[in-house]
Amino acid sequence: MRQLLIVHPQFDGIWPLAADAMHDLWRRQAAVEFLRLPYEDRRPIGAIVENPATVTRLIGLGVPITPACVERFTALEEVVCELLPDSSLDPTIREQFAARGVRVYTQPSEGFWGQSVAEFALALTLCGLRRIPQLHHAILTSQAPWSYSPSEGRGRSGARGQQYGDDSRFTNGTVAGKRVRIVGAGNIGSRYASFVHMLGADVATWDPFAAEPAFHRAGTRKEWRLDRLVKDAEIFAPMLPLTPATRGLITKAHIEALPQGCLVVLATRAAICDMPALRARVLADELALAADVFDVEPLPLDDPLLGRHNVVHTPHNAGRTRHANEQWARALLDQFLPITH
């Protein structure tokens, strides 16, 4: 048996730790040849590998493959051909592999970054509730945030006082007791639901396509109507992938139905929401926003969302942790047949 793993640096630019994680996992089972190409090398995989007729298991990451390449790998039994996002595997190649009984493995889902994004969304939620980033920034240049004395020394309901510095106009304080309303019970939404449920929130989720276990295992009740889900939300978290069916799913009417002061958490894709409507309510101080994704990326430095008292923002980096890279590798390697010695 000959195992071969080849990666192009363009792939490393997308998943910078995945190839090395895959190499480490694979070589624990059996010897594996690992080749990282020079950036300038754009040759197809069949022109790179010496003695391709002896390779039985092949993983190519970001390396092109042609029908002629397939013909050279005459002993191949299992293969992964993960190309770059702007390219896809030629259907002719799939047919060639299928005709020869070669097992072709692909990523089964986006579950590899579900944990990373869900944890990040929880962090955004906590930061949005307590204004942590704003306060961190403020005390770099001023000691004013350290003073909780009420104005004129007179206490006022909902105003500053003795370590209370939250903004009472928006959902604030603990997750416990909050009405958290989630759209999507998939890899990310169900994890996020379990986190906020564990912290004591009242959680409801709308997802007409998810099976019943996705709800009760995450500690959330199933809401049957999206228009009803938004009406009492204190924290609203739409957590869906962006597809033709989900683009604009959260409409202007849904955004306008969110209660005054609601915290909106965006950690998957912004375009699932009517962003002009969401922007309008955030800029009018009617909603708070904690977002890792936006309708324009990168945000222009003069974007009015930047630096606001009711906005927490990060530069779309929730998903690509070391853990996600390792899970990406493991999800592919787990599909290979067990090695028998």
Protein backbone atom coordinates (compact mmCIF):
# COMPACT_ATOMS: atom_id res chain seq x y z
CA MET A 1 0.00 0.00 0.00
CA ARG A 2 1.30 3.44 -0.92
CA GLN A 3 -0.31 6.53 0.60
CA LEU A 4 0.35 9.95 -0.88
CA LEU A 5 -0.70 13.43 0.32
CA ILE A 6 0.01 16.45 -1.90
CA VAL A 7 -0.93 20.05 -1.04
CA HIS A 8 -0.56 23.32 -2.93
CA PRO A 9 0.11 26.55 -0.96
CA GLN A 10 -3.09 28.03 -2.41
CA PHE A 11 -4.98 25.46 -0.38
CA ASP A 12 -2.93 26.37 2.71
CA GLY A 13 -4.18 29.91 2.24
CA ILE A 14 -7.74 28.67 2.80
CA TRP A 15 -7.13 25.94 5.39
CA PRO A 16 -3.67 26.78 6.79
CA LEU A 17 -3.49 23.91 9.30
CA ALA A 18 -5.58 21.21 7.63
CA ALA A 19 -2.95 19.54 5.46
CA ASP A 20 -0.50 19.14 8.34
CA ALA A 21 -3.27 17.82 10.58
CA MET A 22 -4.22 15.33 7.88
CA HIS A 23 -0.60 14.23 7.52
CA ASP A 24 -0.24 13.77 11.26
CA LEU A 25 -3.43 11.72 11.55
CA TRP A 26 -2.74 9.57 8.50
CA ARG A 27 0.85 8.67 9.38
CA ARG A 28 -0.30 7.29 12.73
CA GLN A 29 -1.96 4.50 10.75
CA ALA A 30 0.70 3.79 8.14
CA ALA A 31 3.58 5.38 6.27
CA VAL A 32 2.54 8.32 4.12
CA GLU A 33 4.44 10.44 1.59
CA PHE A 34 3.77 14.15 2.13
CA LEU A 35 4.57 16.68 -0.56
CA ARG A 36 3.97 20.45 -0.33
CA LEU A 37 4.43 22.02 -3.74
CA PRO A 38 6.17 25.31 -4.56
CA TYR A 39 3.63 28.07 -5.09
CA GLU A 40 4.58 28.38 -8.77
CA ASP A 41 3.91 24.70 -9.48
CA ARG A 42 0.52 24.48 -11.19
CA ARG A 43 1.06 21.10 -12.84
CA PRO A 44 -1.72 18.51 -12.64
CA ILE A 45 -1.22 15.79 -10.09
CA GLY A 46 -0.40 13.14 -12.67
CA ALA A 47 2.61 15.14 -13.83
CA ILE A 48 3.96 15.55 -10.31
CA VAL A 49 3.84 12.06 -8.80
CA GLU A 50 6.61 9.61 -9.52
CA ASN A 51 5.45 6.06 -10.25
CA PRO A 52 1.72 6.93 -9.99
CA ALA A 53 0.82 3.32 -10.86
CA THR A 54 1.95 2.29 -7.35
CA VAL A 55 -0.28 4.72 -5.41
CA THR A 56 -3.28 3.09 -3.72
CA ARG A 57 -4.52 5.99 -1.55
CA LEU A 58 -4.26 9.58 -2.74
CA ILE A 59 -5.17 12.96 -1.27
CA GLY A 60 -4.72 16.04 -3.43
CA LEU A 61 -5.43 19.42 -1.83
CA GLY A 62 -5.62 22.35 -4.21
CA VAL A 63 -3.84 20.35 -6.92
CA PRO A 64 -5.52 20.06 -10.34
CA ILE A 65 -6.38 16.65 -11.73
CA THR A 66 -7.22 15.75 -15.32
CA PRO A 67 -8.71 12.67 -17.02
CA ALA A 68 -5.20 11.85 -18.24
CA CYS A 69 -3.99 11.90 -14.61
CA VAL A 70 -6.59 9.34 -13.62
CA GLU A 71 -5.35 6.94 -16.25
CA ARG A 72 -1.87 6.98 -14.71
CA PHE A 73 -3.06 5.97 -11.22
CA THR A 74 -3.90 2.40 -12.18
CA ALA A 75 -3.72 0.93 -8.64
CA LEU A 76 -5.75 3.64 -6.96
CA GLU A 77 -8.42 2.46 -4.52
CA GLU A 78 -9.36 5.57 -2.51
CA VAL A 79 -8.99 9.26 -3.35
CA VAL A 80 -9.69 12.78 -2.14
CA CYS A 81 -9.50 15.61 -4.69
CA GLU A 82 -10.22 18.83 -2.80
CA LEU A 83 -9.88 21.67 -5.27
CA LEU A 84 -9.98 25.42 -4.65
CA PRO A 85 -13.32 27.22 -4.12
CA ASP A 86 -13.41 28.65 -7.65
CA SER A 87 -13.02 25.23 -9.30
CA SER A 88 -14.80 21.90 -9.14
CA LEU A 89 -13.98 18.31 -10.01
CA ASP A 90 -14.67 17.45 -13.65
CA PRO A 91 -17.69 15.08 -13.87
CA THR A 92 -15.70 13.04 -16.39
CA ILE A 93 -13.13 12.31 -13.69
CA ARG A 94 -15.82 11.17 -11.27
CA GLU A 95 -17.14 8.82 -13.94
CA GLN A 96 -13.64 7.45 -14.55
CA PHE A 97 -13.15 6.73 -10.86
CA ALA A 98 -16.61 5.19 -10.55
CA ALA A 99 -16.03 2.93 -13.56
CA ARG A 100 -12.87 1.60 -11.91
CA GLY A 101 -14.44 1.20 -8.48
CA VAL A 102 -12.29 3.91 -6.89
CA ARG A 103 -13.84 5.39 -3.76
CA VAL A 104 -14.02 9.21 -3.98
CA TYR A 105 -14.40 11.02 -0.66
CA THR A 106 -15.68 14.57 -0.16
CA GLN A 107 -16.60 16.72 2.80
CA PRO A 108 -20.03 15.53 4.01
CA SER A 109 -21.09 18.80 5.66
CA GLU A 110 -19.94 22.02 7.28
CA GLY A 111 -19.85 20.44 10.71
CA PHE A 112 -16.11 20.90 10.96
CA TRP A 113 -16.49 24.55 12.00
CA GLY A 114 -19.79 24.25 13.85
CA GLN A 115 -18.19 24.29 17.30
CA SER A 116 -15.85 27.18 16.50
CA VAL A 117 -18.61 29.40 15.12
CA ALA A 118 -21.09 28.52 17.87
CA GLU A 119 -18.58 29.33 20.61
CA PHE A 120 -17.69 32.58 18.87
CA ALA A 121 -21.39 33.45 18.64
CA LEU A 122 -21.71 32.89 22.38
CA ALA A 123 -18.74 35.22 22.92
CA LEU A 124 -20.37 37.84 20.69
CA THR A 125 -23.53 37.49 22.75
CA LEU A 126 -21.71 38.05 26.03
CA CYS A 127 -19.80 41.00 24.56
CA GLY A 128 -23.00 42.50 23.23
CA LEU A 129 -24.79 42.15 26.53
CA ARG A 130 -21.98 43.66 28.61
CA ARG A 131 -20.34 46.02 26.06
CA ILE A 132 -16.98 44.36 26.78
CA PRO A 133 -15.12 45.53 23.64
CA GLN A 134 -16.34 49.12 24.02
CA LEU A 135 -15.22 49.27 27.64
CA HIS A 136 -11.87 47.67 26.83
CA HIS A 137 -11.26 50.33 24.21
CA ALA A 138 -12.50 53.18 26.37
CA ILE A 139 -10.19 52.55 29.34
CA LEU A 140 -7.13 52.69 27.09
CA THR A 141 -7.50 56.47 26.86
CA SER A 142 -9.72 57.50 29.75
CA GLN A 143 -10.43 56.68 33.39
CA ALA A 144 -13.99 57.94 33.10
CA PRO A 145 -15.44 54.42 32.66
CA TRP A 146 -14.10 53.53 36.12
CA SER A 147 -16.47 55.99 37.76
CA TYR A 148 -19.94 54.61 38.38
CA SER A 149 -21.12 57.64 40.32
CA PRO A 150 -24.52 58.78 39.09
CA SER A 151 -24.77 62.19 37.49
CA GLU A 152 -24.83 64.98 40.09
CA GLY A 153 -24.53 62.30 42.76
CA ARG A 154 -28.20 61.44 42.41
CA GLY A 155 -29.22 57.87 41.66
CA ARG A 156 -31.64 57.35 38.80
CA SER A 157 -33.48 54.23 37.73
CA GLY A 158 -31.59 52.41 35.01
CA ALA A 159 -28.61 54.78 35.15
CA ARG A 160 -25.01 54.18 36.26
CA GLY A 161 -24.30 53.21 39.83
CA GLN A 162 -21.94 51.01 41.85
CA GLN A 163 -20.36 48.85 39.12
CA TYR A 164 -23.47 48.99 36.97
CA GLY A 165 -22.37 50.27 33.57
CA ASP A 166 -24.57 48.33 31.15
CA ASP A 167 -26.68 50.22 28.63
CA SER A 168 -30.26 49.84 29.84
CA ARG A 169 -31.68 50.80 26.45
CA PHE A 170 -30.64 47.41 25.09
CA THR A 171 -30.76 43.79 26.23
CA ASN A 172 -28.02 43.54 28.85
CA GLY A 173 -26.75 41.60 31.85
CA THR A 174 -26.76 37.82 32.02
CA VAL A 175 -27.80 35.26 29.45
CA ALA A 176 -29.76 33.55 32.22
CA GLY A 177 -33.43 34.39 31.98
CA LYS A 178 -33.20 35.92 28.50
CA ARG A 179 -35.55 34.98 25.68
CA VAL A 180 -33.12 33.74 23.04
CA ARG A 181 -34.69 33.15 19.63
CA ILE A 182 -32.70 31.26 16.99
CA VAL A 183 -33.25 30.63 13.29
CA GLY A 184 -31.63 27.34 12.30
CA ALA A 185 -31.08 24.09 14.23
CA GLY A 186 -28.10 22.81 12.25
CA ASN A 187 -24.44 22.37 13.16
CA ILE A 188 -24.10 25.92 14.48
CA GLY A 189 -27.59 26.85 15.65
CA SER A 190 -28.11 23.69 17.71
CA ARG A 191 -24.75 24.10 19.47
CA TYR A 192 -25.42 27.76 20.23
CA ALA A 193 -28.87 26.80 21.56
CA SER A 194 -27.31 24.25 23.91
CA PHE A 195 -24.82 26.84 25.21
CA VAL A 196 -27.37 29.52 26.03
CA HIS A 197 -29.77 26.90 27.43
CA MET A 198 -26.99 25.71 29.75
CA LEU A 199 -26.59 29.30 30.95
CA GLY A 200 -30.27 29.51 31.83
CA ALA A 201 -31.88 31.16 28.83
CA ASP A 202 -35.41 30.51 27.56
CA VAL A 203 -34.59 29.20 24.07
CA ALA A 204 -36.83 28.77 21.05
CA THR A 205 -35.75 27.84 17.52
CA TRP A 206 -37.42 27.96 14.11
CA ASP A 207 -36.25 25.45 11.52
CA PRO A 208 -38.90 23.66 9.46
CA PHE A 209 -36.36 21.18 8.06
CA ALA A 210 -34.66 19.98 11.25
CA ALA A 211 -35.62 16.69 12.89
CA GLU A 212 -37.09 16.69 16.39
CA PRO A 213 -33.86 15.57 18.17
CA ALA A 214 -32.11 18.72 16.95
CA PHE A 215 -34.41 20.71 19.24
CA HIS A 216 -34.81 18.72 22.44
CA ARG A 217 -31.13 17.65 22.57
CA ALA A 218 -30.14 21.33 22.36
CA GLY A 219 -32.53 22.39 25.11
CA THR A 220 -34.74 24.47 22.85
CA ARG A 221 -38.42 24.30 22.06
CA LYS A 222 -39.50 24.23 18.44
CA GLU A 223 -41.25 27.34 17.17
CA TRP A 224 -43.47 26.64 14.18
CA ARG A 225 -43.80 30.19 12.89
CA LEU A 226 -40.93 32.54 12.10
CA ASP A 227 -43.12 35.63 12.44
CA ARG A 228 -44.01 34.53 15.98
CA LEU A 229 -40.38 33.74 16.88
CA VAL A 230 -39.22 37.33 16.44
CA LYS A 231 -41.95 39.03 18.45
CA ASP A 232 -40.63 38.46 21.96
CA ALA A 233 -36.88 38.07 21.26
CA GLU A 234 -34.44 39.65 23.67
CA ILE A 235 -31.57 38.00 21.79
CA PHE A 236 -32.14 37.10 18.14
CA ALA A 237 -29.63 34.82 16.38
CA PRO A 238 -30.26 33.85 12.74
CA MET A 239 -27.81 30.98 12.14
CA LEU A 240 -28.17 29.61 8.63
CA PRO A 241 -25.79 29.02 5.73
CA LEU A 242 -26.29 31.32 2.76
CA THR A 243 -28.13 29.55 -0.06
CA PRO A 244 -30.62 30.75 -2.69
CA ALA A 245 -33.38 29.60 -0.33
CA THR A 246 -32.04 31.43 2.75
CA ARG A 247 -30.94 34.70 1.14
CA GLY A 248 -33.17 37.43 2.59
CA LEU A 249 -35.15 34.88 4.61
CA ILE A 250 -35.23 37.30 7.56
CA THR A 251 -37.27 40.04 5.92
CA LYS A 252 -37.76 43.69 6.69
CA ALA A 253 -41.02 42.77 8.39
CA HIS A 254 -39.21 40.32 10.67
CA ILE A 255 -36.55 42.91 11.55
CA GLU A 256 -39.18 45.54 12.29
CA ALA A 257 -41.06 43.09 14.52
CA LEU A 258 -38.08 42.61 16.84
CA PRO A 259 -38.72 44.30 20.20
CA GLN A 260 -37.02 47.58 21.06
CA GLY A 261 -33.56 46.94 22.50
CA CYS A 262 -33.18 43.39 21.15
CA LEU A 263 -29.60 42.16 20.63
CA VAL A 264 -29.07 40.65 17.16
CA VAL A 265 -26.20 38.16 16.83
CA LEU A 266 -24.80 37.50 13.34
CA ALA A 267 -22.18 34.75 13.08
CA THR A 268 -22.97 32.82 9.88
CA ARG A 269 -23.96 34.98 6.90
CA ALA A 270 -25.37 38.51 6.97
CA ALA A 271 -27.26 38.19 3.68
CA ILE A 272 -29.82 35.86 5.25
CA CYS A 273 -31.19 39.10 6.74
CA ASP A 274 -32.59 42.24 5.15
CA MET A 275 -29.48 44.21 6.04
CA PRO A 276 -30.75 47.69 5.09
CA ALA A 277 -33.62 47.18 7.54
CA LEU A 278 -31.29 45.87 10.25
CA ARG A 279 -28.81 48.69 9.72
CA ALA A 280 -31.59 51.27 9.96
CA ARG A 281 -32.81 50.00 13.32
CA VAL A 282 -29.28 49.64 14.74
CA LEU A 283 -28.31 53.16 13.65
CA ALA A 284 -31.55 54.48 15.15
CA ASP A 285 -30.57 52.93 18.52
CA GLU A 286 -33.54 50.59 18.38
CA LEU A 287 -31.48 47.37 18.27
CA ALA A 288 -28.02 46.27 19.38
CA LEU A 289 -25.80 44.24 17.08
CA ALA A 290 -22.99 41.74 17.72
CA ALA A 291 -21.67 40.61 14.35
CA ASP A 292 -18.81 38.71 12.76
CA VAL A 293 -20.37 38.94 9.28
CA PHE A 294 -21.66 41.92 7.33
CA ASP A 295 -23.33 42.87 4.07
CA VAL A 296 -20.10 44.59 2.95
CA GLU A 297 -16.77 42.95 3.75
CA PRO A 298 -14.40 44.36 4.70
CA LEU A 299 -16.40 47.15 6.26
CA PRO A 300 -15.26 50.55 4.95
CA LEU A 301 -13.47 52.50 7.64
CA ASP A 302 -16.18 55.16 7.46
CA ASP A 303 -19.02 52.65 7.80
CA PRO A 304 -21.48 54.03 10.38
CA LEU A 305 -21.68 50.66 12.17
CA LEU A 306 -18.04 50.89 13.23
CA GLY A 307 -17.29 52.05 16.75
CA ARG A 308 -20.90 52.45 17.86
CA HIS A 309 -21.92 52.04 21.48
CA ASN A 310 -24.52 49.42 20.46
CA VAL A 311 -22.38 47.38 18.02
CA VAL A 312 -19.77 44.69 18.62
CA HIS A 313 -17.88 43.82 15.44
CA THR A 314 -15.21 41.32 14.40
CA PRO A 315 -13.66 40.67 10.95
CA HIS A 316 -15.35 37.40 9.85
CA ASN A 317 -13.02 35.02 11.65
CA ALA A 318 -15.39 32.86 13.71
CA GLY A 319 -14.84 29.59 11.89
CA ARG A 320 -11.22 28.94 10.95
CA THR A 321 -9.73 27.86 14.27
CA ARG A 322 -7.10 25.14 14.70
CA HIS A 323 -9.91 22.90 15.92
CA ALA A 324 -11.90 23.53 12.72
CA ASN A 325 -8.85 22.76 10.57
CA GLU A 326 -8.31 19.51 12.44
CA GLN A 327 -11.98 18.60 12.18
CA TRP A 328 -11.87 19.32 8.44
CA ALA A 329 -9.02 16.83 8.09
CA ARG A 330 -10.60 14.22 10.34
CA ALA A 331 -13.96 14.37 8.51
CA LEU A 332 -12.22 13.27 5.32
CA LEU A 333 -9.82 10.72 6.79
CA ASP A 334 -12.56 8.98 8.75
CA GLN A 335 -14.13 7.95 5.43
CA PHE A 336 -11.11 5.87 4.37
CA LEU A 337 -11.33 2.12 4.89
CA PRO A 338 -9.53 0.71 7.95
CA ILE A 339 -5.99 -0.46 7.30
CA THR A 340 -5.51 -4.18 7.86
CA HIS A 341 -1.98 -5.38 8.63
